Amino acid sequence: MSYSLFGRINIRSKEAVFKPEFLLTGFGEISNLAAMRPRPRRFSTPTGSGAFGPPTGVRLGLIAGIFIACTLAARGQDPQDPIQVEPLSSSTDYTVAETTAAPPPPSLPYPVSVYDSSKGGGNVPSGEPRRFHYILGLTVRGVYDDNIFLSHTDRVSDYYFAIEPHIGLGFGDMEGRGTNYIRLDYIPSIILYVDHTNQNDVDHIIHLEGRHEFSKLTLFFSQDVDILRNANLNSLIDTTGQFANIDVGGRTELNLYVSRVRAYYDLTEKLFLSGEFDASIWDYGNDFINSEIFSGGLYINYRWTPKVAVGIGGTGGVMVVEDGNPDQPFAQVNVRLSYEATGKLNFYASAGVEFREFDSDHGERTTPVFEVGAIYHPFDGTTITLSAIRSMFASGFSPDQDFAATDVVLRIQQRLLGRLYLGLSAGYENADYFATVTGVHTSRDDNYYFVEPSVDVLINRFFSVGAYYLHREDSSSEDLHSFYDNQVGVRATVRF
């Protein structure tokens, strides 16, 4: 029996699902979506122009030169090459790419829809005869950013280039994910500033995932390692920085490790158990507060109809916070629903209550947790995803404080004329802070949003060019954390 996880958009960890499509800036959880926070670095912000304006002069020439040179190189190839793959913007969540039945890996902290593929929905093997697969790609971006430090008072602008090679290796059905496979992806992101060269750095994003199916037992696992040296929570599915690290609110050093294991065991044709283990480690290389979250869960699920699966169960774990902050054991009771309404619409939901205790004199905290989402393909070439999630994280910036994060993300992609791709991503997050010890008062409340329209053109099967605009803004009750930022970028991607 085969299982299909129809994808939750893992907003916070932003975990990735990889497909044969042509990606424009690498793979960018998301996890998702999914995949987790922390506290600002205290640095002296250099002075500079904070006005947002169009690139001019030599800097514009540098950006345009790369863009035009890449375009001319592409035109030198055979214009009759058939288009066999599709592009995606670097900031498009993996669900936007779901033109096939390939599912995302198990997500954090909840697994999502589990269907019997023999009864509608489910994984479809890629059918590729090769057992060993590889992907090689390179994306180059030229970007103007009017607030590179995400500062509230001292806005500094600069131009930068991002060089992002991508290497993917796998064995088995790594594209279709319908049978056993293992896959490793690695994207270093080399950031080179024109003026503030002391801010040049390299991020490393690594993703490993696999699946193995026995007669009644199916196992999934994934491991993400994100080594970040900027103000963003970048990932394989988003390298442009849609999600800023608003808890810290500035450039910092963060090593983020996220592990997931999922197990599904058939009891009967309709009844099955699902078990899960999750771990996330937020390790800062500077004077911020590190934290770790470990959890495990067990759920019993019922395939009500070929299109509907429901489940109920519990998750328990502990949040370990360093620097004298109290540890926090917690437990959740959740109900789950996944519904494949039609071949064009998938819906999933998880809702419950969390009971959190504190190793301090603070009383127990009870709060709702939920996750809902939908993936809709109304027409050929059109994909719409909508998701919302509420979860708890330790603050890396403020001692003895957590925050409840509520996120909503909408993504739309439209293909026109076979080669032109229009994209729109928009998201909102509310971060509501609360004390974890008696005597600590906090009133911080952040409201963050981003909007990113994009346009990309597939020149031939190996090469694409595009442009995007990103606006992101945080309105915080503490002015230190408020900011707004605008970015304009052009990009070129080659992939084999």
Protein backbone atom coordinates (compact mmCIF):
# COMPACT_ATOMS: atom_id res chain seq x y z
CA MET A 1 0.00 0.00 0.00
CA SER A 2 1.36 3.40 -0.94
CA TYR A 3 1.06 6.73 0.83
CA SER A 4 0.85 10.21 -0.62
CA LEU A 5 1.54 13.27 1.48
CA PHE A 6 -0.16 16.01 -0.44
CA GLY A 7 1.86 18.68 0.98
CA ARG A 8 1.63 21.11 3.57
CA ILE A 9 3.35 24.33 2.75
CA ASN A 10 5.85 24.27 5.56
CA ILE A 11 6.13 27.98 6.09
CA ARG A 12 8.76 28.03 8.78
CA SER A 13 11.16 25.33 7.76
CA LYS A 14 10.36 25.88 4.08
CA GLU A 15 11.37 22.41 3.13
CA ALA A 16 11.68 21.66 -0.55
CA VAL A 17 10.22 19.23 -2.99
CA PHE A 18 12.19 18.73 -6.13
CA LYS A 19 10.87 18.08 -9.57
CA PRO A 20 12.10 17.92 -13.14
CA GLU A 21 11.00 21.53 -13.68
CA PHE A 22 13.51 24.18 -14.63
CA LEU A 23 14.27 26.24 -11.54
CA LEU A 24 15.29 29.83 -11.95
CA THR A 25 17.31 30.40 -8.81
CA GLY A 26 17.94 27.00 -7.43
CA PHE A 27 15.32 25.46 -5.23
CA GLY A 28 14.97 28.22 -2.78
CA GLU A 29 10.30 24.68 4.14
CA ILE A 30 10.09 25.64 2.69
CA SER A 31 9.52 24.17 4.35
CA ASN A 32 7.96 24.57 4.39
CA LEU A 33 6.61 26.94 4.72
CA ALA A 34 8.28 25.12 7.25
CA ALA A 35 11.21 24.64 7.16
CA MET A 36 12.06 28.75 14.46
CA ARG A 37 13.52 32.01 15.54
CA PRO A 38 16.02 34.14 17.49
CA ARG A 39 17.56 37.75 18.68
CA PRO A 40 19.41 40.74 16.92
CA ARG A 41 23.03 41.10 16.46
CA ARG A 42 24.38 44.30 17.90
CA PHE A 43 26.47 45.81 15.16
CA SER A 44 27.35 49.25 14.07
CA THR A 45 25.38 49.97 10.92
CA PRO A 46 27.42 51.83 8.30
CA THR A 47 25.96 55.05 7.04
CA GLY A 48 24.68 55.19 3.52
CA SER A 49 21.87 56.21 1.29
CA GLY A 50 18.53 54.94 2.45
CA ALA A 51 16.49 56.26 -0.45
CA PHE A 52 14.90 53.66 -2.65
CA GLY A 53 15.61 54.41 -6.24
CA PRO A 54 16.38 52.70 -9.51
CA PRO A 55 19.90 51.33 -10.15
CA THR A 56 22.02 53.80 -12.08
CA GLY A 57 25.48 54.25 -13.56
CA VAL A 58 28.17 51.64 -13.39
CA ARG A 59 26.21 49.46 -10.98
CA LEU A 60 23.29 49.24 -13.34
CA GLY A 61 25.72 48.35 -16.10
CA LEU A 62 27.14 45.48 -14.03
CA ILE A 63 23.71 44.02 -13.38
CA ALA A 64 22.43 44.56 -16.92
CA GLY A 65 25.66 43.23 -18.40
CA ILE A 66 25.24 39.82 -16.82
CA PHE A 67 21.59 39.72 -17.82
CA ILE A 68 22.20 40.68 -21.47
CA ALA A 69 25.27 38.47 -21.86
CA CYS A 70 23.38 35.46 -20.61
CA THR A 71 20.48 36.19 -22.94
CA LEU A 72 22.75 36.50 -25.98
CA ALA A 73 24.49 33.26 -25.07
CA ALA A 74 21.15 31.50 -24.94
CA ARG A 75 20.10 32.84 -28.34
CA GLY A 76 23.22 31.31 -29.83
CA GLN A 77 21.76 27.87 -29.15
CA ASP A 78 19.33 26.05 -31.38
CA PRO A 79 16.02 27.96 -31.14
CA GLN A 80 14.16 24.84 -32.18
CA ASP A 81 15.05 22.91 -29.03
CA PRO A 82 11.86 21.40 -27.65
CA ILE A 83 10.67 22.73 -24.30
CA GLN A 84 10.59 19.70 -22.06
CA VAL A 85 10.71 21.30 -18.65
CA GLU A 86 9.17 24.33 -16.95
CA PRO A 87 10.74 27.18 -14.97
CA LEU A 88 9.87 28.22 -11.46
CA SER A 89 10.74 31.45 -9.75
CA SER A 90 13.23 31.13 -6.93
CA SER A 91 10.61 32.27 -4.47
CA THR A 92 7.90 29.84 -5.49
CA ASP A 93 6.94 27.24 -2.94
CA TYR A 94 7.22 23.63 -4.05
CA THR A 95 3.47 23.21 -4.23
CA VAL A 96 3.32 25.77 -7.02
CA ALA A 97 5.35 23.33 -9.07
CA GLU A 98 3.02 20.40 -8.61
CA THR A 99 2.23 19.64 -12.22
CA THR A 100 2.76 15.97 -11.45
CA ALA A 101 1.69 13.74 -8.60
CA ALA A 102 5.06 13.91 -6.86
CA PRO A 103 4.42 14.69 -3.18
CA PRO A 104 6.50 16.70 -0.74
CA PRO A 105 8.44 14.94 1.98
CA PRO A 106 6.94 14.63 5.48
CA SER A 107 6.59 18.03 7.06
CA LEU A 108 7.23 19.59 10.45
CA PRO A 109 5.61 19.29 12.90
CA TYR A 110 2.60 17.40 11.49
CA PRO A 111 2.39 14.86 8.69
CA VAL A 112 -0.34 15.67 6.22
CA SER A 113 -2.74 13.80 3.99
CA VAL A 114 -2.26 10.09 3.75
CA TYR A 115 -4.07 8.43 0.85
CA ASP A 116 -4.19 4.96 -0.59
CA SER A 117 -2.81 5.50 -4.08
CA SER A 118 -4.82 2.58 -5.40
CA LYS A 119 -8.00 4.49 -4.56
CA GLY A 120 -7.33 7.92 -5.97
CA GLY A 121 -4.54 10.31 -5.16
CA GLY A 122 -1.21 8.90 -4.20
CA ASN A 123 2.30 8.69 -5.46
CA VAL A 124 3.07 7.96 -9.05
CA PRO A 125 6.45 6.41 -9.85
CA SER A 126 8.44 8.50 -12.27
CA GLY A 127 8.94 5.51 -14.55
CA GLU A 128 12.54 6.52 -15.26
CA PRO A 129 14.72 3.50 -16.06
CA ARG A 130 17.87 4.99 -14.52
CA ARG A 131 18.58 4.29 -10.87
CA PHE A 132 21.20 6.99 -10.39
CA HIS A 133 20.25 10.61 -11.08
CA TYR A 134 22.00 13.94 -10.94
CA ILE A 135 21.11 17.62 -11.37
CA LEU A 136 23.57 20.42 -12.15
CA GLY A 137 22.52 24.05 -12.26
CA LEU A 138 23.72 27.60 -11.79
CA THR A 139 21.80 30.78 -11.06
CA VAL A 140 23.25 34.29 -11.10
CA ARG A 141 21.24 37.19 -9.68
CA GLY A 142 21.93 40.94 -9.75
CA VAL A 143 20.00 42.78 -7.03
CA TYR A 144 19.49 46.31 -5.75
CA ASP A 145 18.53 46.32 -2.05
CA ASP A 146 17.58 49.58 -0.30
CA ASN A 147 17.96 48.27 3.28
CA ILE A 148 20.58 45.55 3.46
CA PHE A 149 20.68 45.55 7.30
CA LEU A 150 16.88 45.70 7.78
CA SER A 151 17.40 48.75 9.96
CA HIS A 152 14.61 50.89 11.35
CA THR A 153 16.54 54.17 11.49
CA ASP A 154 19.73 53.87 9.43
CA ARG A 155 18.77 52.49 6.04
CA VAL A 156 21.75 51.42 3.93
CA SER A 157 21.41 50.54 0.25
CA ASP A 158 23.73 48.54 -1.98
CA TYR A 159 23.92 46.32 -5.04
CA TYR A 160 24.93 42.71 -4.76
CA PHE A 161 25.44 39.65 -6.92
CA ALA A 162 24.32 36.19 -5.84
CA ILE A 163 26.02 33.17 -7.41
CA GLU A 164 24.09 29.98 -6.62
CA PRO A 165 25.24 26.65 -8.05
CA HIS A 166 23.07 23.60 -7.40
CA ILE A 167 24.13 19.97 -7.18
CA GLY A 168 21.58 17.19 -6.77
CA LEU A 169 22.35 13.47 -6.47
CA GLY A 170 19.91 10.64 -5.97
CA PHE A 171 19.27 6.93 -6.24
CA GLY A 172 15.90 5.38 -7.02
CA ASP A 173 12.69 7.24 -7.80
CA MET A 174 13.96 10.65 -6.66
CA GLU A 175 11.76 12.57 -9.12
CA GLY A 176 8.43 10.77 -8.80
CA ARG A 177 8.83 9.70 -5.16
CA GLY A 178 6.42 6.85 -5.79
CA THR A 179 8.84 4.09 -4.79
CA ASN A 180 12.02 3.82 -2.73
CA TYR A 181 14.62 6.55 -3.16
CA ILE A 182 17.23 8.71 -1.47
CA ARG A 183 18.21 12.21 -2.56
CA LEU A 184 20.79 14.83 -1.60
CA ASP A 185 20.72 18.49 -2.72
CA TYR A 186 23.28 21.20 -2.01
CA ILE A 187 23.12 24.91 -2.87
CA PRO A 188 25.82 27.32 -1.75
CA SER A 189 24.83 30.97 -2.14
CA ILE A 190 27.76 33.33 -2.68
CA ILE A 191 26.79 36.95 -1.93
CA LEU A 192 29.09 39.71 -3.27
CA TYR A 193 28.29 43.36 -2.44
CA VAL A 194 29.47 46.22 -4.63
CA ASP A 195 30.16 48.75 -1.85
CA HIS A 196 29.92 46.90 1.48
CA THR A 197 32.38 44.18 0.64
CA ASN A 198 32.88 43.41 4.34
CA GLN A 199 29.38 41.90 4.23
CA ASN A 200 30.31 39.35 1.53
CA ASP A 201 29.58 35.83 2.67
CA VAL A 202 28.51 32.34 1.68
CA ASP A 203 25.37 30.52 2.80
CA HIS A 204 25.12 26.74 2.60
CA ILE A 205 21.81 24.92 2.20
CA ILE A 206 21.76 21.11 2.33
CA HIS A 207 18.75 18.81 2.08
CA LEU A 208 18.72 15.01 2.39
CA GLU A 209 15.56 12.93 2.12
CA GLY A 210 14.50 9.35 1.46
CA ARG A 211 11.72 6.80 1.51
CA HIS A 212 11.53 3.05 1.91
CA GLU A 213 8.42 0.93 1.61
CA PHE A 214 7.90 -2.50 3.15
CA SER A 215 4.81 -4.69 2.86
CA LYS A 216 2.80 -2.78 5.50
CA LEU A 217 5.26 -0.16 6.69
CA THR A 218 6.36 2.99 4.86
CA LEU A 219 9.21 5.14 6.21
CA PHE A 220 10.10 8.72 5.29
CA PHE A 221 12.96 10.87 6.55
CA SER A 222 14.49 14.24 5.79
CA GLN A 223 17.38 16.28 7.14
CA ASP A 224 17.95 19.98 6.51
CA VAL A 225 21.13 21.89 7.32
CA ASP A 226 20.98 25.65 6.69
CA ILE A 227 24.13 27.67 7.42
CA LEU A 228 22.98 31.29 7.12
CA ARG A 229 25.00 34.49 7.43
CA ASN A 230 22.40 37.15 6.73
CA ALA A 231 19.07 38.52 7.97
CA ASN A 232 16.90 35.99 6.12
CA LEU A 233 15.56 32.50 6.68
CA ASN A 234 16.56 31.31 3.22
CA SER A 235 16.03 27.75 2.05
CA LEU A 236 16.18 25.53 -1.01
CA ILE A 237 12.87 26.94 -2.20
CA ASP A 238 13.52 30.60 -1.44
CA THR A 239 16.89 32.28 -1.84
CA THR A 240 15.56 35.82 -2.40
CA GLY A 241 14.62 36.31 1.25
CA GLN A 242 10.84 36.41 1.44
CA PHE A 243 10.99 35.39 5.10
CA ALA A 244 13.20 37.64 7.19
CA ASN A 245 14.35 36.62 10.65
CA ILE A 246 12.12 39.23 12.32
CA ASP A 247 12.76 37.94 15.84
CA VAL A 248 16.44 38.86 15.60
CA GLY A 249 15.81 41.71 13.18
CA GLY A 250 19.27 41.98 11.60
CA ARG A 251 22.19 40.16 10.04
CA THR A 252 23.38 37.27 12.16
CA GLU A 253 25.06 33.86 12.05
CA LEU A 254 22.57 31.02 12.27
CA ASN A 255 23.07 27.27 11.87
CA LEU A 256 19.66 25.63 11.58
CA TYR A 257 19.23 21.84 11.72
CA VAL A 258 15.83 20.26 11.12
CA SER A 259 15.27 16.47 11.24
CA ARG A 260 12.03 14.62 10.44
CA VAL A 261 11.05 10.95 10.49
CA ARG A 262 7.61 9.60 9.55
CA ALA A 263 6.34 6.02 9.72
CA TYR A 264 3.00 4.70 8.41
CA TYR A 265 1.78 1.21 9.26
CA ASP A 266 -1.33 -0.46 7.81
CA LEU A 267 -3.53 -2.16 10.39
CA THR A 268 -6.34 -2.89 7.93
CA GLU A 269 -7.27 -1.77 4.44
CA LYS A 270 -8.75 1.44 5.87
CA LEU A 271 -7.08 1.86 9.24
CA PHE A 272 -3.42 2.81 9.74
CA LEU A 273 -1.07 4.24 12.35
CA SER A 274 1.27 7.15 11.80
CA GLY A 275 4.27 7.90 13.98
CA GLU A 276 6.56 10.89 13.84
CA PHE A 277 9.74 12.31 15.27
CA ASP A 278 10.96 15.89 14.81
CA ALA A 279 13.99 17.83 15.98
CA SER A 280 15.03 21.41 15.25
CA ILE A 281 18.17 23.11 16.54
CA TRP A 282 18.73 26.88 16.36
CA ASP A 283 22.44 27.45 16.87
CA TYR A 284 23.71 31.04 16.78
CA GLY A 285 27.33 31.87 16.28
CA ASN A 286 27.07 35.08 18.28
CA ASP A 287 25.52 36.44 21.48
CA PHE A 288 21.97 35.20 20.91
CA ILE A 289 19.87 32.56 22.64
CA ASN A 290 20.09 29.04 21.22
CA SER A 291 17.17 26.65 21.44
CA GLU A 292 16.27 23.07 20.56
CA ILE A 293 12.88 21.42 20.03
CA PHE A 294 12.35 17.64 20.17
CA SER A 295 8.97 16.00 19.71
CA GLY A 296 7.30 12.71 18.87
CA GLY A 297 3.74 11.78 18.06
CA LEU A 298 1.38 8.88 17.41
CA TYR A 299 -1.87 9.08 15.42
CA ILE A 300 -4.53 6.63 14.35
CA ASN A 301 -6.00 7.35 10.92
CA TYR A 302 -8.98 6.14 8.94
CA ARG A 303 -9.51 6.22 5.17
CA TRP A 304 -13.14 7.26 5.26
CA THR A 305 -13.46 7.31 1.47
CA PRO A 306 -10.93 7.03 -1.34
CA LYS A 307 -10.63 10.83 -1.20
CA VAL A 308 -10.94 11.52 2.53
CA ALA A 309 -8.65 10.52 5.41
CA VAL A 310 -9.17 11.55 9.04
CA GLY A 311 -6.97 11.07 12.09
CA ILE A 312 -6.63 11.82 15.79
CA GLY A 313 -3.71 11.56 18.17
CA GLY A 314 -1.15 13.41 20.20
CA THR A 315 2.30 14.94 20.07
CA GLY A 316 4.62 15.42 23.02
CA GLY A 317 8.02 17.01 23.34
CA VAL A 318 10.29 19.52 25.00
CA MET A 319 11.78 22.87 24.07
CA VAL A 320 15.27 23.31 25.53
CA VAL A 321 16.39 26.94 25.76
CA GLU A 322 19.94 27.98 26.71
CA ASP A 323 21.36 30.87 28.77
CA GLY A 324 19.33 30.17 31.90
CA ASN A 325 15.95 30.31 30.19
CA PRO A 326 13.43 27.71 31.39
CA ASP A 327 12.95 24.47 29.47
CA GLN A 328 9.41 23.81 28.30
CA PRO A 329 7.76 20.37 28.08
CA PHE A 330 4.60 20.43 25.96
CA ALA A 331 1.85 18.15 24.68
CA GLN A 332 -0.69 18.52 21.88
CA VAL A 333 -3.97 16.84 21.00
CA ASN A 334 -4.79 17.15 17.30
CA VAL A 335 -7.37 16.07 14.76
CA ARG A 336 -6.48 15.88 11.07
CA LEU A 337 -8.31 15.84 7.77
CA SER A 338 -7.11 15.51 4.20
CA TYR A 339 -9.48 15.76 1.26
CA GLU A 340 -8.79 15.35 -2.43
CA ALA A 341 -11.92 17.10 -3.69
CA THR A 342 -11.05 16.74 -7.38
CA GLY A 343 -7.99 16.13 -9.48
CA LYS A 344 -7.50 19.90 -9.37
CA LEU A 345 -8.09 20.63 -5.69
CA ASN A 346 -6.46 19.18 -2.57
CA PHE A 347 -7.28 20.36 0.95
CA TYR A 348 -5.68 19.52 4.29
CA ALA A 349 -6.19 20.62 7.89
CA SER A 350 -4.83 19.94 11.35
CA ALA A 351 -6.20 21.58 14.50
CA GLY A 352 -5.75 21.05 18.21
CA VAL A 353 -4.72 22.36 21.59
CA GLU A 354 -1.24 22.66 23.08
CA PHE A 355 -0.52 22.41 26.81
CA ARG A 356 2.86 23.95 27.66
CA GLU A 357 4.63 23.93 31.02
CA PHE A 358 7.69 25.90 32.12
CA ASP A 359 10.56 24.85 34.37
CA SER A 360 10.03 28.02 36.36
CA ASP A 361 7.40 29.60 38.58
CA HIS A 362 5.31 30.44 35.52
CA GLY A 363 1.98 28.64 35.24
CA GLU A 364 0.87 26.34 32.44
CA ARG A 365 -0.10 27.91 29.11
CA THR A 366 -2.87 26.50 26.92
CA THR A 367 -3.14 27.71 23.34
CA PRO A 368 -4.66 26.59 20.02
CA VAL A 369 -2.46 25.26 17.23
CA PHE A 370 -3.58 24.68 13.68
CA GLU A 371 -2.59 24.28 10.08
CA VAL A 372 -4.78 24.48 6.99
CA GLY A 373 -4.01 24.69 3.30
CA ALA A 374 -5.21 24.10 -0.22
CA ILE A 375 -3.58 23.44 -3.59
CA TYR A 376 -5.69 24.36 -6.63
CA HIS A 377 -5.05 23.93 -10.35
CA PRO A 378 -8.04 25.70 -11.96
CA PHE A 379 -6.59 25.67 -15.49
CA ASP A 380 -3.68 24.19 -17.37
CA GLY A 381 -0.61 26.22 -16.43
CA THR A 382 -2.21 27.81 -13.35
CA THR A 383 -1.40 26.85 -9.76
CA ILE A 384 -2.69 28.50 -6.59
CA THR A 385 -1.65 27.55 -3.06
CA LEU A 386 -2.93 28.95 0.21
CA SER A 387 -1.78 27.96 3.68
CA ALA A 388 -2.01 29.08 7.30
CA ILE A 389 -0.26 27.79 10.42
CA ARG A 390 0.07 28.68 14.11
CA SER A 391 2.98 27.36 16.19
CA MET A 392 5.26 28.24 19.14
CA PHE A 393 8.95 29.25 19.14
CA ALA A 394 11.54 30.46 21.63
CA SER A 395 12.83 33.98 21.13
CA GLY A 396 16.52 34.15 20.35
CA PHE A 397 16.58 37.89 21.02
CA SER A 398 14.57 38.37 24.22
CA PRO A 399 15.46 36.28 27.31
CA ASP A 400 12.65 34.39 29.05
CA GLN A 401 10.22 34.95 26.17
CA ASP A 402 8.50 32.79 23.55
CA PHE A 403 6.21 33.85 20.75
CA ALA A 404 3.21 32.40 18.98
CA ALA A 405 3.68 32.73 15.21
CA THR A 406 0.64 32.77 12.93
CA ASP A 407 1.46 32.70 9.22
CA VAL A 408 -0.60 32.94 6.04
CA VAL A 409 0.96 32.49 2.59
CA LEU A 410 -0.56 32.77 -0.91
CA ARG A 411 1.32 31.79 -4.06
CA ILE A 412 0.14 31.96 -7.67
CA GLN A 413 1.90 30.93 -10.85
CA GLN A 414 0.57 31.35 -14.39
CA ARG A 415 2.14 30.02 -17.59
CA LEU A 416 1.49 32.01 -20.77
CA LEU A 417 2.39 31.20 -24.37
CA GLY A 418 4.38 28.16 -23.27
CA ARG A 419 7.50 30.16 -22.31
CA LEU A 420 6.36 33.06 -20.13
CA TYR A 421 5.77 32.53 -16.42
CA LEU A 422 4.13 35.09 -14.14
CA GLY A 423 4.38 34.59 -10.40
CA LEU A 424 3.02 36.25 -7.28
CA SER A 425 3.90 35.39 -3.69
CA ALA A 426 2.44 37.14 -0.68
CA GLY A 427 2.63 36.33 3.01
CA TYR A 428 1.73 37.64 6.46
CA GLU A 429 3.01 36.73 9.91
CA ASN A 430 1.93 37.80 13.36
CA ALA A 431 4.42 37.15 16.18
CA ASP A 432 2.81 37.53 19.61
CA TYR A 433 5.38 37.41 22.45
CA PHE A 434 4.72 36.10 25.96
CA ALA A 435 6.84 35.63 29.10
CA THR A 436 8.10 32.25 30.26
CA VAL A 437 8.92 33.30 33.85
CA THR A 438 7.01 35.30 36.41
CA GLY A 439 8.05 38.94 36.68
CA VAL A 440 9.02 39.39 33.03
CA HIS A 441 6.73 41.76 31.15
CA THR A 442 6.52 41.81 27.38
CA SER A 443 4.19 43.63 25.06
CA ARG A 444 6.03 42.98 21.80
CA ASP A 445 3.81 42.19 18.87
CA ASP A 446 5.11 42.05 15.27
CA ASN A 447 3.12 42.14 12.05
CA TYR A 448 5.25 41.20 9.05
CA TYR A 449 4.29 40.86 5.41
CA PHE A 450 5.96 40.40 2.03
CA VAL A 451 4.88 40.68 -1.61
CA GLU A 452 6.93 39.40 -4.54
CA PRO A 453 5.72 39.55 -8.18
CA SER A 454 7.99 37.96 -10.78
CA VAL A 455 8.26 37.25 -14.49
CA ASP A 456 10.45 34.59 -16.11
CA VAL A 457 11.05 33.52 -19.70
CA LEU A 458 12.23 30.08 -20.75
CA ILE A 459 14.69 30.73 -23.58
CA ASN A 460 15.27 27.04 -24.26
CA ARG A 461 15.24 23.81 -22.32
CA PHE A 462 18.49 24.66 -20.52
CA PHE A 463 18.28 28.40 -19.97
CA SER A 464 15.89 30.99 -18.54
CA VAL A 465 15.98 34.65 -17.53
CA GLY A 466 13.70 36.64 -15.30
CA ALA A 467 13.14 39.56 -12.96
CA TYR A 468 11.39 40.10 -9.64
CA TYR A 469 10.51 42.77 -7.11
CA LEU A 470 10.36 42.02 -3.37
CA HIS A 471 8.81 44.29 -0.74
CA ARG A 472 8.84 43.20 2.90
CA GLU A 473 7.90 45.14 6.00
CA ASP A 474 7.69 44.53 9.73
CA SER A 475 5.55 46.73 11.97
CA SER A 476 6.55 46.00 15.55
CA SER A 477 5.33 47.42 18.85
CA GLU A 478 9.04 47.85 19.62
CA ASP A 479 10.42 50.31 17.07
CA LEU A 480 13.85 48.65 17.14
CA HIS A 481 12.41 45.72 15.19
CA SER A 482 10.35 47.67 12.64
CA PHE A 483 11.70 48.01 9.09
CA TYR A 484 10.77 48.04 5.43
CA ASP A 485 12.85 46.81 2.54
CA ASN A 486 12.65 46.84 -1.27
CA GLN A 487 14.62 44.69 -3.67
CA VAL A 488 14.72 44.65 -7.47
CA GLY A 489 16.52 41.75 -9.10
CA VAL A 490 17.29 40.16 -12.44
CA ARG A 491 18.38 36.55 -12.78
CA ALA A 492 19.60 33.96 -15.24
CA THR A 493 19.63 30.20 -14.72
CA VAL A 494 21.23 27.35 -16.62
CA ARG A 495 20.39 23.77 -15.72
CA PHE A 496 21.41 20.32 -16.98
